[in-house]
Amino acid sequence: MSAARNPIAHALWTVGVSQAEIREERVPTPAPGEVTIRTLESGISRGTEALVFAGRVPQSEWGRMRCPFQAGDFPFPVKYGYAAVGMIEDGPPERLGQRVFCLHPHQTRFTVPAAAVIPVPDAVPTRRAVLAAQIETALNASWDAAPRIGDRIAVVGGGAIGCLTAWLCARLPGTEVTLIDLDPSRATVVTALGVAFASEAAAPRDCDLVFHASGTAEGLGLAISLAGFEAEIIELSWYGDAAVTVPLGGAFHSQRLSLRASQVGAIAPARRARWSHARRLSLALSLAADPRLDVLVAASTPFDHLPEALPAILGRPGALFHRVTYETEYR
């Protein structure tokens, strides 16, 4: 064990619709098999955290949508989040100073089982390591969809998950991957990831595989329209308590299309027998070594500014990933 550390931490809590506050918490001294982490950065998963912040997690999903180390209950007050990178400051001597990723809410320091943290490879800077949970989601989606060499693939929605899914698929030889988004300024980000960008009017048709990640019914309708004969549409958006109209008329039946959900909570069936969640997350962290991903992590906010900044951060539809930095008075 290391020398005694500050036992007081500060954590972000959502306490009402679009209302957050920072609360003090006592950090337990790690027991055998545990470690205490000092957070360096965390990441905001816009899609899910925006629904939590707005109180839009349906009651039927309160149990299934709990994140690891969540405190409180839906709808409020709740401590939520699942992308933290930090340094082990207390625990087994051989692990002190190790940089690790943990699926933990936004908090300055915390104590968790050592098995819950994954070492960050030396080649991955902290600013990119916070993307691990989003990369893991895109990775699982690619496993669910099983793209093949030479496929024509469309991704509708240029948020972090859409961009990462397109980036992964474009690494497969011979694929033609196009990301479609309503915001033309997203083209700069997408092309930096090695992916083609298109407006709705210029989107490729007759695709072998389509991913939908826009979080809108209109985007889902577009995704269905881009699919070729007997193609599959993989739905990555989660709509919370919103009712969504799905256009299953038109060519949906004559084209024999399939619409299927992909969600990161369960490992894709084709990998489930051999892959653990820890192994999948470790792979996601290693993939973050690609420097092209820096375009997704440019925006950041200091932790102590989060309560007043969150409404704007989470209120921008289609905005990219947002980092939280911890060089604050709470050290």
C-alpha atoms as a PDB file:
ATOM      1  CA  MET A   1       0.000   0.000   0.000  1.00  0.00           C
ATOM      2  CA  SER A   2       1.038   3.604  -0.545  1.00  0.00           C
ATOM      3  CA  ALA A   3       1.039   6.372   2.012  1.00  0.00           C
ATOM      4  CA  ALA A   4      -2.305   7.746   3.182  1.00  0.00           C
ATOM      5  CA  ARG A   5      -4.186   9.751   0.562  1.00  0.00           C
ATOM      6  CA  ASN A   6      -6.904  12.382   0.679  1.00  0.00           C
ATOM      7  CA  PRO A   7     -10.025  10.420   1.723  1.00  0.00           C
ATOM      8  CA  ILE A   8     -12.391  12.983   0.223  1.00  0.00           C
ATOM      9  CA  ALA A   9     -13.430  12.890  -3.431  1.00  0.00           C
ATOM     10  CA  HIS A  10     -15.869  14.917  -5.510  1.00  0.00           C
ATOM     11  CA  ALA A  11     -18.414  13.346  -7.861  1.00  0.00           C
ATOM     12  CA  LEU A  12     -20.900  14.651 -10.396  1.00  0.00           C
ATOM     13  CA  TRP A  13     -24.549  13.890  -9.617  1.00  0.00           C
ATOM     14  CA  THR A  14     -27.588  14.531 -11.786  1.00  0.00           C
ATOM     15  CA  VAL A  15     -30.204  15.731  -9.311  1.00  0.00           C
ATOM     16  CA  GLY A  16     -33.109  16.765 -11.572  1.00  0.00           C
ATOM     17  CA  VAL A  17     -34.039  17.431 -15.181  1.00  0.00           C
ATOM     18  CA  SER A  18     -31.011  19.237 -16.663  1.00  0.00           C
ATOM     19  CA  GLN A  19     -29.627  19.862 -13.166  1.00  0.00           C
ATOM     20  CA  ALA A  20     -26.309  18.606 -11.847  1.00  0.00           C
ATOM     21  CA  GLU A  21     -24.151  19.273  -8.818  1.00  0.00           C
ATOM     22  CA  ILE A  22     -20.793  18.213  -7.403  1.00  0.00           C
ATOM     23  CA  ARG A  23     -20.954  16.279  -4.136  1.00  0.00           C
ATOM     24  CA  GLU A  24     -18.285  15.236  -1.671  1.00  0.00           C
ATOM     25  CA  GLU A  25     -17.720  11.526  -1.108  1.00  0.00           C
ATOM     26  CA  ARG A  26     -15.417   9.573   1.170  1.00  0.00           C
ATOM     27  CA  VAL A  27     -13.005   7.283  -0.650  1.00  0.00           C
ATOM     28  CA  PRO A  28     -12.507   3.952   1.147  1.00  0.00           C
ATOM     29  CA  THR A  29      -8.991   2.711   1.776  1.00  0.00           C
ATOM     30  CA  PRO A  30      -8.504  -0.160  -0.660  1.00  0.00           C
ATOM     31  CA  ALA A  31      -8.917  -3.634   0.790  1.00  0.00           C
ATOM     32  CA  PRO A  32      -6.908  -6.557  -0.583  1.00  0.00           C
ATOM     33  CA  GLY A  33      -7.787  -6.924  -4.239  1.00  0.00           C
ATOM     34  CA  GLU A  34      -8.798  -3.263  -4.600  1.00  0.00           C
ATOM     35  CA  VAL A  35      -7.154  -0.112  -5.949  1.00  0.00           C
ATOM     36  CA  THR A  36      -7.732   3.613  -5.522  1.00  0.00           C
ATOM     37  CA  ILE A  37      -7.705   5.642  -8.735  1.00  0.00           C
ATOM     38  CA  ARG A  38      -6.940   9.357  -9.106  1.00  0.00           C
ATOM     39  CA  THR A  39      -8.839  10.446 -12.207  1.00  0.00           C
ATOM     40  CA  LEU A  40      -6.951  12.158 -15.020  1.00  0.00           C
ATOM     41  CA  GLU A  41      -9.795  12.485 -17.525  1.00  0.00           C
ATOM     42  CA  SER A  42     -13.256  11.100 -18.096  1.00  0.00           C
ATOM     43  CA  GLY A  43     -15.483  11.131 -21.153  1.00  0.00           C
ATOM     44  CA  ILE A  44     -19.112  12.059 -21.711  1.00  0.00           C
ATOM     45  CA  SER A  45     -21.141   9.549 -23.698  1.00  0.00           C
ATOM     46  CA  ARG A  46     -23.512  12.088 -25.220  1.00  0.00           C
ATOM     47  CA  GLY A  47     -26.328   9.819 -26.337  1.00  0.00           C
ATOM     48  CA  THR A  48     -26.924   7.936 -23.100  1.00  0.00           C
ATOM     49  CA  GLU A  49     -25.880  10.695 -20.706  1.00  0.00           C
ATOM     50  CA  ALA A  50     -28.157  13.202 -22.434  1.00  0.00           C
ATOM     51  CA  LEU A  51     -31.124  10.896 -21.820  1.00  0.00           C
ATOM     52  CA  VAL A  52     -30.098  10.419 -18.176  1.00  0.00           C
ATOM     53  CA  PHE A  53     -29.645  14.175 -17.756  1.00  0.00           C
ATOM     54  CA  ALA A  54     -33.113  14.798 -19.195  1.00  0.00           C
ATOM     55  CA  GLY A  55     -34.742  12.124 -17.009  1.00  0.00           C
ATOM     56  CA  ARG A  56     -35.740  10.132 -20.085  1.00  0.00           C
ATOM     57  CA  VAL A  57     -34.654   6.627 -19.074  1.00  0.00           C
ATOM     58  CA  PRO A  58     -37.915   4.620 -19.195  1.00  0.00           C
ATOM     59  CA  GLN A  59     -38.820   2.869 -15.955  1.00  0.00           C
ATOM     60  CA  SER A  60     -38.721  -0.506 -17.717  1.00  0.00           C
ATOM     61  CA  GLU A  61     -34.969   0.046 -18.313  1.00  0.00           C
ATOM     62  CA  TRP A  62     -33.931   1.361 -14.891  1.00  0.00           C
ATOM     63  CA  GLY A  63     -32.291  -1.940 -13.983  1.00  0.00           C
ATOM     64  CA  ARG A  64     -30.742  -2.758 -17.347  1.00  0.00           C
ATOM     65  CA  MET A  65     -29.331   0.745 -17.839  1.00  0.00           C
ATOM     66  CA  ARG A  66     -27.439   0.888 -14.559  1.00  0.00           C
ATOM     67  CA  CYS A  67     -23.760   1.480 -15.271  1.00  0.00           C
ATOM     68  CA  PRO A  68     -20.896  -0.075 -13.287  1.00  0.00           C
ATOM     69  CA  PHE A  69     -20.376   1.730  -9.950  1.00  0.00           C
ATOM     70  CA  GLN A  70     -23.473   3.860 -10.443  1.00  0.00           C
ATOM     71  CA  ALA A  71     -24.808   5.403  -7.237  1.00  0.00           C
ATOM     72  CA  GLY A  72     -28.380   6.506  -6.726  1.00  0.00           C
ATOM     73  CA  ASP A  73     -31.319   5.407  -8.829  1.00  0.00           C
ATOM     74  CA  PHE A  74     -33.138   6.603 -11.916  1.00  0.00           C
ATOM     75  CA  PRO A  75     -34.487   9.075 -12.550  1.00  0.00           C
ATOM     76  CA  PHE A  76     -32.780  11.221  -9.848  1.00  0.00           C
ATOM     77  CA  PRO A  77     -30.510  11.713  -8.018  1.00  0.00           C
ATOM     78  CA  VAL A  78     -28.016   9.549  -9.843  1.00  0.00           C
ATOM     79  CA  LYS A  79     -24.250   9.388 -10.319  1.00  0.00           C
ATOM     80  CA  TYR A  80     -23.745   8.192 -13.885  1.00  0.00           C
ATOM     81  CA  GLY A  81     -20.982   7.780 -16.450  1.00  0.00           C
ATOM     82  CA  TYR A  82     -18.672   5.067 -17.748  1.00  0.00           C
ATOM     83  CA  ALA A  83     -15.425   6.386 -19.189  1.00  0.00           C
ATOM     84  CA  ALA A  84     -12.683   7.264 -16.699  1.00  0.00           C
ATOM     85  CA  VAL A  85      -8.913   7.157 -17.107  1.00  0.00           C
ATOM     86  CA  GLY A  86      -6.740   7.580 -14.047  1.00  0.00           C
ATOM     87  CA  MET A  87      -3.630   6.626 -12.133  1.00  0.00           C
ATOM     88  CA  ILE A  88      -3.505   3.967  -9.430  1.00  0.00           C
ATOM     89  CA  GLU A  89      -2.419   5.818  -6.302  1.00  0.00           C
ATOM     90  CA  ASP A  90      -3.142   3.153  -3.672  1.00  0.00           C
ATOM     91  CA  GLY A  91      -3.207  -0.619  -3.827  1.00  0.00           C
ATOM     92  CA  PRO A  92      -0.681  -3.382  -4.566  1.00  0.00           C
ATOM     93  CA  PRO A  93       2.844  -1.884  -4.764  1.00  0.00           C
ATOM     94  CA  GLU A  94       3.484  -3.361  -8.204  1.00  0.00           C
ATOM     95  CA  ARG A  95       0.507  -1.444  -9.634  1.00  0.00           C
ATOM     96  CA  LEU A  96       1.145   1.988  -8.130  1.00  0.00           C
ATOM     97  CA  GLY A  97       1.408   4.660 -10.808  1.00  0.00           C
ATOM     98  CA  GLN A  98      -0.197   2.486 -13.473  1.00  0.00           C
ATOM     99  CA  ARG A  99      -2.502   4.322 -15.894  1.00  0.00           C
ATOM    100  CA  VAL A 100      -5.817   2.505 -16.229  1.00  0.00           C
ATOM    101  CA  PHE A 101      -9.311   2.735 -17.722  1.00  0.00           C
ATOM    102  CA  CYS A 102     -12.415   2.076 -15.643  1.00  0.00           C
ATOM    103  CA  LEU A 103     -16.142   2.127 -16.396  1.00  0.00           C
ATOM    104  CA  HIS A 104     -16.865   4.625 -13.620  1.00  0.00           C
ATOM    105  CA  PRO A 105     -18.953   7.805 -13.240  1.00  0.00           C
ATOM    106  CA  HIS A 106     -17.325  11.254 -13.269  1.00  0.00           C
ATOM    107  CA  GLN A 107     -15.409  11.508  -9.978  1.00  0.00           C
ATOM    108  CA  THR A 108     -12.031  12.850  -8.864  1.00  0.00           C
ATOM    109  CA  ARG A 109     -10.903   9.609  -7.190  1.00  0.00           C
ATOM    110  CA  PHE A 110     -12.488   6.280  -6.334  1.00  0.00           C
ATOM    111  CA  THR A 111     -11.777   2.800  -4.987  1.00  0.00           C
ATOM    112  CA  VAL A 112     -12.806  -0.254  -7.028  1.00  0.00           C
ATOM    113  CA  PRO A 113     -11.849  -3.937  -7.384  1.00  0.00           C
ATOM    114  CA  ALA A 114      -8.547  -4.274  -9.220  1.00  0.00           C
ATOM    115  CA  ALA A 115     -10.254  -6.561 -11.727  1.00  0.00           C
ATOM    116  CA  ALA A 116     -12.464  -3.638 -12.818  1.00  0.00           C
ATOM    117  CA  VAL A 117      -9.589  -1.616 -14.282  1.00  0.00           C
ATOM    118  CA  ILE A 118      -7.786  -2.221 -17.577  1.00  0.00           C
ATOM    119  CA  PRO A 119      -4.212  -0.987 -18.133  1.00  0.00           C
ATOM    120  CA  VAL A 120      -3.885   1.698 -20.801  1.00  0.00           C
ATOM    121  CA  PRO A 121      -1.211   0.802 -23.380  1.00  0.00           C
ATOM    122  CA  ASP A 122       1.782   3.138 -23.435  1.00  0.00           C
ATOM    123  CA  ALA A 123       1.033   4.011 -27.069  1.00  0.00           C
ATOM    124  CA  VAL A 124      -2.385   5.424 -26.146  1.00  0.00           C
ATOM    125  CA  PRO A 125      -2.484   8.969 -24.704  1.00  0.00           C
ATOM    126  CA  THR A 126      -5.021   9.686 -21.987  1.00  0.00           C
ATOM    127  CA  ARG A 127      -7.099  11.966 -24.229  1.00  0.00           C
ATOM    128  CA  ARG A 128      -7.719   9.039 -26.575  1.00  0.00           C
ATOM    129  CA  ALA A 129      -8.008   6.382 -23.886  1.00  0.00           C
ATOM    130  CA  VAL A 130     -11.251   7.970 -22.668  1.00  0.00           C
ATOM    131  CA  LEU A 131     -12.781   6.883 -26.002  1.00  0.00           C
ATOM    132  CA  ALA A 132     -12.463   3.213 -25.039  1.00  0.00           C
ATOM    133  CA  ALA A 133     -16.128   2.677 -24.134  1.00  0.00           C
ATOM    134  CA  GLN A 134     -17.252   4.269 -27.426  1.00  0.00           C
ATOM    135  CA  ILE A 135     -14.726   2.222 -29.416  1.00  0.00           C
ATOM    136  CA  GLU A 136     -16.015  -0.862 -27.613  1.00  0.00           C
ATOM    137  CA  THR A 137     -19.568  -0.022 -28.714  1.00  0.00           C
ATOM    138  CA  ALA A 138     -18.470   0.398 -32.333  1.00  0.00           C
ATOM    139  CA  LEU A 139     -16.401  -2.790 -32.133  1.00  0.00           C
ATOM    140  CA  ASN A 140     -19.368  -4.769 -30.836  1.00  0.00           C
ATOM    141  CA  ALA A 141     -21.537  -3.315 -33.613  1.00  0.00           C
ATOM    142  CA  SER A 142     -19.032  -4.475 -36.216  1.00  0.00           C
ATOM    143  CA  TRP A 143     -19.103  -7.956 -34.677  1.00  0.00           C
ATOM    144  CA  ASP A 144     -22.900  -7.961 -34.800  1.00  0.00           C
ATOM    145  CA  ALA A 145     -22.937  -6.842 -38.431  1.00  0.00           C
ATOM    146  CA  ALA A 146     -19.957  -8.915 -39.646  1.00  0.00           C
ATOM    147  CA  PRO A 147     -18.951  -6.691 -42.608  1.00  0.00           C
ATOM    148  CA  ARG A 148     -17.109  -8.457 -45.396  1.00  0.00           C
ATOM    149  CA  ILE A 149     -14.211  -7.541 -47.660  1.00  0.00           C
ATOM    150  CA  GLY A 150     -15.438  -5.344 -50.483  1.00  0.00           C
ATOM    151  CA  ASP A 151     -18.781  -4.390 -48.877  1.00  0.00           C
ATOM    152  CA  ARG A 152     -20.446  -1.082 -49.668  1.00  0.00           C
ATOM    153  CA  ILE A 153     -21.267   0.266 -46.206  1.00  0.00           C
ATOM    154  CA  ALA A 154     -23.212   3.351 -45.154  1.00  0.00           C
ATOM    155  CA  VAL A 155     -23.215   4.872 -41.684  1.00  0.00           C
ATOM    156  CA  VAL A 156     -25.983   7.377 -40.982  1.00  0.00           C
ATOM    157  CA  GLY A 157     -25.132   9.822 -38.177  1.00  0.00           C
ATOM    158  CA  GLY A 158     -21.794  11.499 -37.563  1.00  0.00           C
ATOM    159  CA  GLY A 159     -21.612  11.499 -33.770  1.00  0.00           C
ATOM    160  CA  ALA A 160     -18.790   9.683 -31.986  1.00  0.00           C
ATOM    161  CA  ILE A 161     -20.365   6.220 -32.342  1.00  0.00           C
ATOM    162  CA  GLY A 162     -21.135   6.695 -36.027  1.00  0.00           C
ATOM    163  CA  CYS A 163     -17.645   8.027 -36.730  1.00  0.00           C
ATOM    164  CA  LEU A 164     -15.975   5.190 -34.844  1.00  0.00           C
ATOM    165  CA  THR A 165     -18.098   2.538 -36.535  1.00  0.00           C
ATOM    166  CA  ALA A 166     -17.235   3.953 -39.955  1.00  0.00           C
ATOM    167  CA  TRP A 167     -13.541   4.181 -38.997  1.00  0.00           C
ATOM    168  CA  LEU A 168     -13.460   0.517 -37.950  1.00  0.00           C
ATOM    169  CA  CYS A 169     -15.277  -0.717 -41.053  1.00  0.00           C
ATOM    170  CA  ALA A 170     -12.983   1.301 -43.327  1.00  0.00           C
ATOM    171  CA  ARG A 171     -10.010  -0.689 -42.001  1.00  0.00           C
ATOM    172  CA  LEU A 172     -11.376  -3.800 -43.739  1.00  0.00           C
ATOM    173  CA  PRO A 173      -9.727  -4.213 -47.189  1.00  0.00           C
ATOM    174  CA  GLY A 174     -11.783  -3.235 -50.185  1.00  0.00           C
ATOM    175  CA  THR A 175     -14.736  -1.781 -48.304  1.00  0.00           C
ATOM    176  CA  GLU A 176     -16.440   1.392 -49.537  1.00  0.00           C
ATOM    177  CA  VAL A 177     -17.529   3.191 -46.365  1.00  0.00           C
ATOM    178  CA  THR A 178     -19.543   6.413 -46.474  1.00  0.00           C
ATOM    179  CA  LEU A 179     -20.772   8.405 -43.491  1.00  0.00           C
ATOM    180  CA  ILE A 180     -23.883  10.520 -44.030  1.00  0.00           C
ATOM    181  CA  ASP A 181     -24.698  13.493 -41.817  1.00  0.00           C
ATOM    182  CA  LEU A 182     -26.831  16.625 -42.120  1.00  0.00           C
ATOM    183  CA  ASP A 183     -23.981  18.819 -40.876  1.00  0.00           C
ATOM    184  CA  PRO A 184     -21.569  19.525 -43.754  1.00  0.00           C
ATOM    185  CA  SER A 185     -18.867  20.640 -41.319  1.00  0.00           C
ATOM    186  CA  ARG A 186     -18.629  17.028 -40.132  1.00  0.00           C
ATOM    187  CA  ALA A 187     -16.899  16.199 -43.435  1.00  0.00           C
ATOM    188  CA  THR A 188     -13.564  17.449 -42.045  1.00  0.00           C
ATOM    189  CA  VAL A 189     -13.726  15.017 -39.116  1.00  0.00           C
ATOM    190  CA  VAL A 190     -14.912  12.100 -41.209  1.00  0.00           C
ATOM    191  CA  THR A 191     -12.289  12.445 -43.928  1.00  0.00           C
ATOM    192  CA  ALA A 192      -9.571  12.729 -41.257  1.00  0.00           C
ATOM    193  CA  LEU A 193     -10.675   9.256 -40.119  1.00  0.00           C
ATOM    194  CA  GLY A 194     -10.144   7.876 -43.615  1.00  0.00           C
ATOM    195  CA  VAL A 195     -13.867   7.650 -44.423  1.00  0.00           C
ATOM    196  CA  ALA A 196     -15.874   9.193 -47.272  1.00  0.00           C
ATOM    197  CA  PHE A 197     -18.516  11.789 -46.357  1.00  0.00           C
ATOM    198  CA  ALA A 198     -21.808  12.451 -48.163  1.00  0.00           C
ATOM    199  CA  SER A 199     -24.916  14.540 -47.784  1.00  0.00           C
ATOM    200  CA  GLU A 200     -28.301  12.812 -47.751  1.00  0.00           C
ATOM    201  CA  ALA A 201     -28.799  13.616 -51.444  1.00  0.00           C
ATOM    202  CA  ALA A 202     -25.447  12.085 -52.388  1.00  0.00           C
ATOM    203  CA  ALA A 203     -25.653   9.036 -50.114  1.00  0.00           C
ATOM    204  CA  PRO A 204     -24.850   5.718 -51.796  1.00  0.00           C
ATOM    205  CA  ARG A 205     -27.780   3.383 -52.450  1.00  0.00           C
ATOM    206  CA  ASP A 206     -27.920  -0.403 -52.779  1.00  0.00           C
ATOM    207  CA  CYS A 207     -25.583  -0.839 -49.789  1.00  0.00           C
ATOM    208  CA  ASP A 208     -24.560  -4.258 -48.496  1.00  0.00           C
ATOM    209  CA  LEU A 209     -24.737  -3.038 -44.884  1.00  0.00           C
ATOM    210  CA  VAL A 210     -26.077   0.076 -43.175  1.00  0.00           C
ATOM    211  CA  PHE A 211     -25.474   1.316 -39.630  1.00  0.00           C
ATOM    212  CA  HIS A 212     -27.817   3.883 -38.099  1.00  0.00           C
ATOM    213  CA  ALA A 213     -26.448   6.157 -35.346  1.00  0.00           C
ATOM    214  CA  SER A 214     -28.219   9.503 -35.738  1.00  0.00           C
ATOM    215  CA  GLY A 215     -30.689   9.044 -32.891  1.00  0.00           C
ATOM    216  CA  THR A 216     -33.571  10.332 -35.062  1.00  0.00           C
ATOM    217  CA  ALA A 217     -36.500   8.709 -36.836  1.00  0.00           C
ATOM    218  CA  GLU A 218     -35.573  10.603 -40.007  1.00  0.00           C
ATOM    219  CA  GLY A 219     -32.084   9.139 -39.901  1.00  0.00           C
ATOM    220  CA  LEU A 220     -33.471   5.642 -39.448  1.00  0.00           C
ATOM    221  CA  GLY A 221     -35.729   6.158 -42.447  1.00  0.00           C
ATOM    222  CA  LEU A 222     -32.744   7.225 -44.519  1.00  0.00           C
ATOM    223  CA  ALA A 223     -30.737   4.199 -43.352  1.00  0.00           C
ATOM    224  CA  ILE A 224     -33.508   1.846 -44.481  1.00  0.00           C
ATOM    225  CA  SER A 225     -33.677   3.577 -47.866  1.00  0.00           C
ATOM    226  CA  LEU A 226     -29.952   3.020 -48.461  1.00  0.00           C
ATOM    227  CA  ALA A 227     -30.037  -0.755 -47.970  1.00  0.00           C
ATOM    228  CA  GLY A 228     -29.840  -3.040 -50.982  1.00  0.00           C
ATOM    229  CA  PHE A 229     -31.682  -6.306 -51.576  1.00  0.00           C
ATOM    230  CA  GLU A 230     -31.643  -8.541 -48.463  1.00  0.00           C
ATOM    231  CA  ALA A 231     -29.242  -6.141 -46.728  1.00  0.00           C
ATOM    232  CA  GLU A 232     -29.158  -5.510 -42.994  1.00  0.00           C
ATOM    233  CA  ILE A 233     -29.603  -2.265 -41.069  1.00  0.00           C
ATOM    234  CA  ILE A 234     -27.898  -2.222 -37.664  1.00  0.00           C
ATOM    235  CA  GLU A 235     -29.544   0.173 -35.211  1.00  0.00           C
ATOM    236  CA  LEU A 236     -27.072   1.781 -32.791  1.00  0.00           C
ATOM    237  CA  SER A 237     -29.291   4.601 -31.497  1.00  0.00           C
ATOM    238  CA  TRP A 238     -31.148   4.388 -28.196  1.00  0.00           C
ATOM    239  CA  TYR A 239     -34.194   6.619 -27.969  1.00  0.00           C
ATOM    240  CA  GLY A 240     -34.991   6.385 -24.259  1.00  0.00           C
ATOM    241  CA  ASP A 241     -38.700   6.952 -23.705  1.00  0.00           C
ATOM    242  CA  ALA A 242     -39.297   8.500 -27.151  1.00  0.00           C
ATOM    243  CA  ALA A 243     -41.685   6.821 -29.599  1.00  0.00           C
ATOM    244  CA  VAL A 244     -40.075   6.367 -33.023  1.00  0.00           C
ATOM    245  CA  THR A 245     -41.837   5.889 -36.349  1.00  0.00           C
ATOM    246  CA  VAL A 246     -40.105   3.247 -38.470  1.00  0.00           C
ATOM    247  CA  PRO A 247     -40.897   3.313 -42.218  1.00  0.00           C
ATOM    248  CA  LEU A 248     -41.593  -0.353 -42.875  1.00  0.00           C
ATOM    249  CA  GLY A 249     -43.709   0.346 -45.966  1.00  0.00           C
ATOM    250  CA  GLY A 250     -42.291   1.068 -49.391  1.00  0.00           C
ATOM    251  CA  ALA A 251     -39.533  -1.339 -50.369  1.00  0.00           C
ATOM    252  CA  PHE A 252     -38.868  -2.751 -46.898  1.00  0.00           C
ATOM    253  CA  HIS A 253     -40.684  -6.050 -47.547  1.00  0.00           C
ATOM    254  CA  SER A 254     -39.994  -6.433 -51.263  1.00  0.00           C
ATOM    255  CA  GLN A 255     -36.295  -5.861 -50.607  1.00  0.00           C
ATOM    256  CA  ARG A 256     -36.378  -8.427 -47.749  1.00  0.00           C
ATOM    257  CA  LEU A 257     -34.498  -6.070 -45.441  1.00  0.00           C
ATOM    258  CA  SER A 258     -33.498  -6.840 -41.851  1.00  0.00           C
ATOM    259  CA  LEU A 259     -33.442  -4.279 -39.026  1.00  0.00           C
ATOM    260  CA  ARG A 260     -31.506  -5.362 -35.950  1.00  0.00           C
ATOM    261  CA  ALA A 261     -30.355  -3.694 -32.742  1.00  0.00           C
ATOM    262  CA  SER A 262     -26.777  -3.740 -31.481  1.00  0.00           C
ATOM    263  CA  GLN A 263     -26.044  -2.831 -27.864  1.00  0.00           C
ATOM    264  CA  VAL A 264     -22.732  -3.012 -26.052  1.00  0.00           C
ATOM    265  CA  GLY A 265     -24.087  -4.518 -22.817  1.00  0.00           C
ATOM    266  CA  ALA A 266     -23.923  -8.017 -24.319  1.00  0.00           C
ATOM    267  CA  ILE A 267     -21.028  -9.322 -26.397  1.00  0.00           C
ATOM    268  CA  ALA A 268     -22.050 -10.106 -29.977  1.00  0.00           C
ATOM    269  CA  PRO A 269     -23.259 -13.744 -30.241  1.00  0.00           C
ATOM    270  CA  ALA A 270     -20.531 -14.792 -32.669  1.00  0.00           C
ATOM    271  CA  ARG A 271     -17.846 -13.810 -30.105  1.00  0.00           C
ATOM    272  CA  ARG A 272     -19.641 -14.485 -26.826  1.00  0.00           C
ATOM    273  CA  ALA A 273     -18.252 -17.982 -26.234  1.00  0.00           C
ATOM    274  CA  ARG A 274     -14.615 -16.840 -26.333  1.00  0.00           C
ATOM    275  CA  TRP A 275     -14.550 -13.151 -25.444  1.00  0.00           C
ATOM    276  CA  SER A 276     -15.000 -11.605 -22.001  1.00  0.00           C
ATOM    277  CA  HIS A 277     -15.982  -7.978 -21.465  1.00  0.00           C
ATOM    278  CA  ALA A 278     -12.451  -7.307 -20.169  1.00  0.00           C
ATOM    279  CA  ARG A 279     -10.854  -8.789 -23.293  1.00  0.00           C
ATOM    280  CA  ARG A 280     -13.138  -6.725 -25.534  1.00  0.00           C
ATOM    281  CA  LEU A 281     -12.382  -3.524 -23.602  1.00  0.00           C
ATOM    282  CA  SER A 282      -8.642  -4.235 -23.758  1.00  0.00           C
ATOM    283  CA  LEU A 283      -8.891  -4.531 -27.532  1.00  0.00           C
ATOM    284  CA  ALA A 284     -10.811  -1.257 -27.700  1.00  0.00           C
ATOM    285  CA  LEU A 285      -8.075   0.487 -25.701  1.00  0.00           C
ATOM    286  CA  SER A 286      -5.368  -0.851 -28.007  1.00  0.00           C
ATOM    287  CA  LEU A 287      -7.276   0.422 -31.052  1.00  0.00           C
ATOM    288  CA  ALA A 288      -7.173   3.932 -29.547  1.00  0.00           C
ATOM    289  CA  ALA A 289      -3.482   4.079 -30.526  1.00  0.00           C
ATOM    290  CA  ASP A 290      -4.584   5.427 -33.931  1.00  0.00           C
ATOM    291  CA  PRO A 291      -3.659   9.163 -33.918  1.00  0.00           C
ATOM    292  CA  ARG A 292      -6.469   9.909 -36.365  1.00  0.00           C
ATOM    293  CA  LEU A 293      -8.884   9.591 -33.448  1.00  0.00           C
ATOM    294  CA  ASP A 294      -7.588  12.891 -32.029  1.00  0.00           C
ATOM    295  CA  VAL A 295     -10.209  14.662 -34.161  1.00  0.00           C
ATOM    296  CA  LEU A 296     -12.921  13.153 -31.952  1.00  0.00           C
ATOM    297  CA  VAL A 297     -11.526  14.317 -28.599  1.00  0.00           C
ATOM    298  CA  ALA A 298     -10.753  17.998 -29.153  1.00  0.00           C
ATOM    299  CA  ALA A 299     -13.466  19.399 -26.848  1.00  0.00           C
ATOM    300  CA  SER A 300     -12.970  19.412 -23.075  1.00  0.00           C
ATOM    301  CA  THR A 301     -14.320  21.003 -19.891  1.00  0.00           C
ATOM    302  CA  PRO A 302     -12.769  21.108 -16.394  1.00  0.00           C
ATOM    303  CA  PHE A 303     -14.583  18.882 -13.920  1.00  0.00           C
ATOM    304  CA  ASP A 304     -15.457  21.738 -11.572  1.00  0.00           C
ATOM    305  CA  HIS A 305     -17.272  23.546 -14.409  1.00  0.00           C
ATOM    306  CA  LEU A 306     -19.467  20.586 -15.355  1.00  0.00           C
ATOM    307  CA  PRO A 307     -22.708  21.478 -13.501  1.00  0.00           C
ATOM    308  CA  GLU A 308     -23.131  24.729 -15.410  1.00  0.00           C
ATOM    309  CA  ALA A 309     -21.619  23.408 -18.662  1.00  0.00           C
ATOM    310  CA  LEU A 310     -23.606  20.170 -19.051  1.00  0.00           C
ATOM    311  CA  PRO A 311     -26.832  21.678 -20.460  1.00  0.00           C
ATOM    312  CA  ALA A 312     -24.891  23.086 -23.413  1.00  0.00           C
ATOM    313  CA  ILE A 313     -22.639  20.024 -23.783  1.00  0.00           C
ATOM    314  CA  LEU A 314     -25.549  17.580 -23.860  1.00  0.00           C
ATOM    315  CA  GLY A 315     -27.956  19.868 -25.681  1.00  0.00           C
ATOM    316  CA  ARG A 316     -26.169  19.944 -29.035  1.00  0.00           C
ATOM    317  CA  PRO A 317     -27.629  17.247 -31.308  1.00  0.00           C
ATOM    318  CA  GLY A 318     -24.958  15.301 -33.159  1.00  0.00           C
ATOM    319  CA  ALA A 319     -22.065  16.870 -31.249  1.00  0.00           C
ATOM    320  CA  LEU A 320     -18.887  14.852 -30.862  1.00  0.00           C
ATOM    321  CA  PHE A 321     -17.281  13.258 -27.836  1.00  0.00           C
ATOM    322  CA  HIS A 322     -16.470  15.557 -24.899  1.00  0.00           C
ATOM    323  CA  ARG A 323     -13.628  15.093 -22.420  1.00  0.00           C
ATOM    324  CA  VAL A 324     -13.636  16.099 -18.749  1.00  0.00           C
ATOM    325  CA  THR A 325     -10.289  17.176 -17.294  1.00  0.00           C
ATOM    326  CA  TYR A 326      -9.374  17.008 -13.607  1.00  0.00           C
ATOM    327  CA  GLU A 327      -6.608  19.559 -13.033  1.00  0.00           C
ATOM    328  CA  THR A 328      -8.846  21.455 -10.601  1.00  0.00           C
ATOM    329  CA  GLU A 329      -9.067  22.736  -7.071  1.00  0.00           C
ATOM    330  CA  TYR A 330     -10.427  19.333  -6.085  1.00  0.00           C
ATOM    331  CA  ARG A 331      -7.000  17.700  -6.294  1.00  0.00           C
END
